[in-house]
Amino acid sequence: MDLLLLFLLFFLGISLGSFYNVVGLRLPTKQSFSKKNDRSYCPNCKKQLSWYELIPVLSYLMQGGKCRGCKDKISIIYPIGELLTGLLFALSYIRFEFQVEIIMAILFVSMLMIIFVTDMTYMLIPNKILLFFLPIFIIMRIIQPLEPWWSSIIGAVTGFGLIFIIILVSRGGMGAGDMKLFGVLGIVLGFENVLLTFFLSCLLGAVVGILLMLFKVVKRKQPIPFGPFIVIAALLTYFFGDAIVEWYVSLSISHLLLVE
């Protein structure tokens, strides 16, 4: 493994993670982020940020998590998004090295990190993000198909259809954004792994939701964004799905042997 390349991918990840933060925060409110004069600014005092205030992760730490102008707190989402993107880019190289799948991994991480920001901030999964990545993922799965090749098709139908049924039965228990996201996830992950992602996201959501209520961070029936749990579950499944399934199967076999 080339440590220099690993470091470069990490650096690329935290740099792009900073951009994904901007996209995730501005896209739902229809603010521009692609023009040269659309520099980052403090959402409280509107002061445009200097280059030394835009260094991924480090600027947040050096400024004590506050704006240099108005001293308002900077959202922790910024450094978390940057650091996670860097780590996940590095993990992509560790997992796939120079295989074609590393391109899919980087694209997949990129989409999920933007969605993490938008859903944490606005409880929204923008159609524009899904529609941007959808054709790219389809092309990538044609170039680098799953085994069997039709798993992506069945996975997309299953992911979309499963949430669609839940929405109908629960009359809005999950959002249309979650439904569309699971459809896209099915293309990348395939049939079995999209089901694992659904199971893990529900498990994570239930555990975290109960803990938040126990510590009175949220009230009963208060809505919390489900997208971040889907993102975490999708990443766990994508990178470690086989290991998770093997662990579960071995645990189940051990339990049956003990019962007998």
Protein backbone atom coordinates (compact mmCIF):
# COMPACT_ATOMS: atom_id res chain seq x y z
CA MET A 1 0.00 0.00 0.00
CA ASP A 2 1.28 3.44 -0.98
CA LEU A 3 1.16 5.63 2.15
CA LEU A 4 1.70 8.81 0.12
CA LEU A 5 -1.34 8.03 -2.02
CA LEU A 6 -3.32 7.22 1.11
CA PHE A 7 -2.41 10.63 2.57
CA LEU A 8 -3.25 12.40 -0.70
CA LEU A 9 -6.68 10.77 -0.81
CA PHE A 10 -7.28 11.78 2.81
CA PHE A 11 -6.29 15.36 1.99
CA LEU A 12 -8.51 15.31 -1.12
CA GLY A 13 -11.35 13.99 1.03
CA ILE A 14 -11.18 16.69 3.70
CA SER A 15 -10.90 19.36 0.98
CA LEU A 16 -13.91 18.05 -0.93
CA GLY A 17 -15.68 17.50 2.38
CA SER A 18 -15.49 21.25 2.94
CA PHE A 19 -17.11 21.79 -0.46
CA TYR A 20 -19.78 19.16 0.26
CA ASN A 21 -20.66 21.07 3.42
CA VAL A 22 -21.28 24.18 1.34
CA VAL A 23 -23.34 22.26 -1.22
CA GLY A 24 -25.39 20.57 1.51
CA LEU A 25 -26.10 23.82 3.31
CA ARG A 26 -26.83 26.01 0.29
CA LEU A 27 -28.56 23.75 -2.22
CA PRO A 28 -31.84 23.29 -0.27
CA THR A 29 -32.13 27.08 0.15
CA LYS A 30 -31.30 27.67 -3.54
CA GLN A 31 -28.17 29.67 -2.73
CA SER A 32 -25.41 29.66 -5.32
CA PHE A 33 -22.16 27.89 -4.54
CA SER A 34 -20.54 27.57 -7.95
CA LYS A 35 -19.58 31.14 -8.79
CA LYS A 36 -16.21 32.69 -7.98
CA ASN A 37 -17.75 35.43 -5.85
CA ASP A 38 -19.80 32.96 -3.80
CA ARG A 39 -17.15 32.64 -1.11
CA SER A 40 -17.99 31.03 2.20
CA TYR A 41 -19.31 33.37 4.87
CA CYS A 42 -20.48 33.28 8.47
CA PRO A 43 -24.24 32.54 8.48
CA ASN A 44 -24.66 34.83 11.51
CA CYS A 45 -22.72 38.02 10.71
CA LYS A 46 -22.39 37.39 6.92
CA LYS A 47 -18.66 38.15 7.04
CA GLN A 48 -16.80 36.56 4.13
CA LEU A 49 -14.16 34.14 5.35
CA SER A 50 -10.47 34.52 4.59
CA TRP A 51 -8.40 31.66 3.20
CA TYR A 52 -6.93 30.86 6.63
CA GLU A 53 -10.46 30.48 8.00
CA LEU A 54 -11.26 27.84 5.38
CA ILE A 55 -8.56 25.26 6.11
CA PRO A 56 -10.47 21.99 6.58
CA VAL A 57 -10.72 20.87 10.22
CA LEU A 58 -7.71 22.98 11.36
CA SER A 59 -9.48 26.34 11.03
CA TYR A 60 -12.31 25.08 13.24
CA LEU A 61 -9.85 23.92 15.91
CA MET A 62 -7.68 27.05 15.77
CA GLN A 63 -10.73 29.32 16.09
CA GLY A 64 -12.15 27.33 18.98
CA GLY A 65 -15.26 26.50 16.97
CA LYS A 66 -16.27 30.18 16.73
CA CYS A 67 -16.43 32.85 14.04
CA ARG A 68 -13.48 35.25 14.26
CA GLY A 69 -15.82 38.18 13.64
CA CYS A 70 -18.99 37.77 15.70
CA LYS A 71 -17.76 34.91 17.94
CA ASP A 72 -20.89 32.92 17.10
CA LYS A 73 -20.49 29.15 17.34
CA ILE A 74 -19.66 27.32 14.11
CA SER A 75 -21.72 24.19 13.50
CA ILE A 76 -19.87 21.00 14.41
CA ILE A 77 -21.21 19.56 11.14
CA TYR A 78 -18.42 21.38 9.26
CA PRO A 79 -15.36 19.64 10.77
CA ILE A 80 -17.19 16.32 11.18
CA GLY A 81 -18.15 16.30 7.50
CA GLU A 82 -14.63 17.22 6.41
CA LEU A 83 -12.89 14.67 8.62
CA LEU A 84 -15.31 11.85 7.79
CA THR A 85 -14.97 12.46 4.06
CA GLY A 86 -11.17 12.33 4.34
CA LEU A 87 -11.25 9.14 6.37
CA LEU A 88 -13.75 7.50 4.02
CA PHE A 89 -11.68 8.41 0.95
CA ALA A 90 -8.67 6.82 2.63
CA LEU A 91 -10.76 3.78 3.57
CA SER A 92 -11.83 3.47 -0.08
CA TYR A 93 -8.18 3.09 -1.07
CA ILE A 94 -7.49 0.63 1.75
CA ARG A 95 -10.52 -1.43 0.73
CA PHE A 96 -10.22 -1.37 -3.08
CA GLU A 97 -6.74 0.02 -3.90
CA PHE A 98 -6.54 0.50 -7.70
CA GLN A 99 -9.63 -1.50 -8.63
CA VAL A 100 -12.35 0.23 -10.67
CA GLU A 101 -14.62 0.02 -7.61
CA ILE A 102 -12.60 2.77 -5.88
CA ILE A 103 -14.22 5.28 -8.26
CA MET A 104 -17.65 4.06 -7.18
CA ALA A 105 -16.56 4.23 -3.54
CA ILE A 106 -15.43 7.86 -3.79
CA LEU A 107 -18.61 8.88 -5.66
CA PHE A 108 -20.78 6.97 -3.18
CA VAL A 109 -19.10 8.61 -0.20
CA SER A 110 -19.46 12.03 -1.85
CA MET A 111 -23.22 11.66 -2.34
CA LEU A 112 -23.80 10.35 1.16
CA MET A 113 -21.80 13.11 2.84
CA ILE A 114 -23.84 15.80 1.06
CA ILE A 115 -27.07 14.05 2.08
CA PHE A 116 -25.80 13.77 5.65
CA VAL A 117 -25.44 17.55 5.80
CA THR A 118 -28.77 18.38 4.12
CA ASP A 119 -30.81 16.00 6.25
CA MET A 120 -29.10 16.96 9.51
CA THR A 121 -29.70 20.64 8.77
CA TYR A 122 -33.03 20.73 6.94
CA MET A 123 -34.46 17.18 7.31
CA LEU A 124 -34.41 17.07 3.53
CA ILE A 125 -32.86 14.80 0.88
CA PRO A 126 -32.72 16.94 -2.29
CA ASN A 127 -33.88 15.40 -5.57
CA LYS A 128 -31.10 17.27 -7.37
CA ILE A 129 -28.42 15.35 -5.50
CA LEU A 130 -30.03 11.98 -6.20
CA LEU A 131 -30.66 12.81 -9.86
CA PHE A 132 -27.06 13.98 -10.29
CA PHE A 133 -25.54 10.77 -8.97
CA LEU A 134 -28.15 8.29 -10.28
CA PRO A 135 -26.96 8.13 -13.94
CA ILE A 136 -23.32 8.04 -12.81
CA PHE A 137 -24.02 5.05 -10.55
CA ILE A 138 -25.90 3.26 -13.33
CA ILE A 139 -22.95 3.73 -15.70
CA MET A 140 -20.51 2.58 -13.02
CA ARG A 141 -22.55 -0.56 -12.36
CA ILE A 142 -22.50 -1.31 -16.08
CA ILE A 143 -18.71 -0.94 -16.09
CA GLN A 144 -18.27 -2.73 -12.76
CA PRO A 145 -21.37 -4.92 -12.23
CA LEU A 146 -22.24 -6.69 -9.03
CA GLU A 147 -22.38 -10.48 -8.83
CA PRO A 148 -24.94 -11.41 -10.12
CA TRP A 149 -25.30 -8.48 -12.53
CA TRP A 150 -29.05 -8.12 -11.99
CA SER A 151 -28.61 -7.55 -8.25
CA SER A 152 -28.44 -3.78 -8.83
CA ILE A 153 -31.79 -3.79 -10.64
CA ILE A 154 -33.53 -5.92 -8.02
CA GLY A 155 -31.82 -3.87 -5.28
CA ALA A 156 -33.13 -0.58 -6.68
CA VAL A 157 -36.68 -1.93 -7.03
CA THR A 158 -36.56 -3.50 -3.56
CA GLY A 159 -35.12 -0.40 -1.87
CA PHE A 160 -37.65 1.92 -3.47
CA GLY A 161 -40.59 -0.47 -3.10
CA LEU A 162 -39.89 -1.34 0.54
CA ILE A 163 -40.01 2.29 1.68
CA PHE A 164 -43.00 2.96 -0.60
CA ILE A 165 -44.97 0.23 1.18
CA ILE A 166 -43.93 1.58 4.60
CA ILE A 167 -45.10 5.07 3.60
CA LEU A 168 -48.48 3.69 2.48
CA VAL A 169 -48.99 1.51 5.56
CA SER A 170 -47.79 4.08 8.10
CA ARG A 171 -49.29 7.03 6.22
CA GLY A 172 -46.12 9.06 6.21
CA GLY A 173 -43.93 7.20 8.70
CA MET A 174 -41.02 7.73 6.31
CA GLY A 175 -40.39 10.43 3.72
CA ALA A 176 -40.35 10.32 -0.05
CA GLY A 177 -36.70 11.39 0.10
CA ASP A 178 -35.85 8.23 2.05
CA MET A 179 -37.71 6.18 -0.56
CA LYS A 180 -35.80 7.69 -3.48
CA LEU A 181 -32.50 7.39 -1.61
CA PHE A 182 -33.04 3.68 -1.00
CA GLY A 183 -33.76 3.25 -4.70
CA VAL A 184 -30.37 4.78 -5.53
CA LEU A 185 -28.66 2.78 -2.79
CA GLY A 186 -30.05 -0.41 -4.29
CA ILE A 187 -28.18 0.24 -7.54
CA VAL A 188 -24.86 0.61 -5.72
CA LEU A 189 -25.31 -2.04 -3.03
CA GLY A 190 -27.48 -4.67 -4.69
CA PHE A 191 -30.43 -6.68 -3.36
CA GLU A 192 -28.99 -8.30 -0.23
CA ASN A 193 -27.00 -5.29 0.92
CA VAL A 194 -29.85 -2.81 0.49
CA LEU A 195 -31.89 -5.02 2.84
CA LEU A 196 -28.98 -5.03 5.31
CA THR A 197 -28.80 -1.24 5.02
CA PHE A 198 -32.50 -0.97 5.79
CA PHE A 199 -32.15 -3.22 8.85
CA LEU A 200 -29.08 -1.38 10.19
CA SER A 201 -30.62 2.08 9.63
CA CYS A 202 -33.77 1.08 11.53
CA LEU A 203 -31.68 -0.43 14.33
CA LEU A 204 -29.47 2.66 14.60
CA GLY A 205 -32.46 4.98 14.45
CA ALA A 206 -34.30 3.09 17.18
CA VAL A 207 -31.31 2.91 19.54
CA VAL A 208 -30.29 6.56 19.08
CA GLY A 209 -33.92 7.71 19.26
CA ILE A 210 -34.47 5.91 22.58
CA LEU A 211 -31.23 7.33 24.01
CA LEU A 212 -32.15 10.87 22.93
CA MET A 213 -35.52 10.53 24.67
CA LEU A 214 -33.98 9.02 27.81
CA PHE A 215 -31.56 11.94 28.08
CA LYS A 216 -34.39 14.36 27.19
CA VAL A 217 -32.59 15.72 24.16
CA VAL A 218 -35.78 15.25 22.14
CA LYS A 219 -39.39 14.82 23.18
CA ARG A 220 -41.63 11.86 22.43
CA LYS A 221 -43.00 11.97 18.84
CA GLN A 222 -40.60 14.82 18.00
CA PRO A 223 -39.34 14.18 14.46
CA ILE A 224 -35.63 13.54 14.00
CA PRO A 225 -33.85 13.18 10.65
CA PHE A 226 -33.63 9.58 9.49
CA GLY A 227 -31.24 10.31 6.62
CA PRO A 228 -28.07 10.27 8.77
CA PHE A 229 -28.91 6.76 9.98
CA ILE A 230 -29.39 5.63 6.38
CA VAL A 231 -26.03 7.20 5.48
CA ILE A 232 -24.19 5.47 8.33
CA ALA A 233 -25.90 2.13 7.60
CA ALA A 234 -25.14 2.40 3.86
CA LEU A 235 -21.46 3.12 4.52
CA LEU A 236 -21.17 0.26 7.01
CA THR A 237 -22.82 -2.09 4.54
CA TYR A 238 -20.77 -0.93 1.56
CA PHE A 239 -17.40 -1.28 3.27
CA PHE A 240 -18.08 -4.03 5.83
CA GLY A 241 -21.28 -5.77 4.71
CA ASP A 242 -19.68 -9.17 4.16
CA ALA A 243 -17.97 -9.07 7.55
CA ILE A 244 -21.23 -8.05 9.28
CA VAL A 245 -23.16 -10.93 7.66
CA GLU A 246 -20.41 -13.44 8.51
CA TRP A 247 -20.36 -12.23 12.13
CA TYR A 248 -24.15 -12.52 12.40
CA VAL A 249 -24.20 -16.01 10.85
CA SER A 250 -21.42 -17.27 13.14
CA LEU A 251 -23.19 -15.74 16.15
CA SER A 252 -26.44 -17.44 15.18
CA ILE A 253 -24.73 -20.81 14.69
CA SER A 254 -23.00 -20.49 18.08
CA HIS A 255 -26.32 -19.69 19.72
CA LEU A 256 -28.00 -22.74 18.13
CA LEU A 257 -25.17 -24.99 19.26
CA LEU A 258 -25.49 -23.67 22.83
CA VAL A 259 -29.24 -24.23 22.82
CA GLU A 260 -28.79 -27.82 21.62
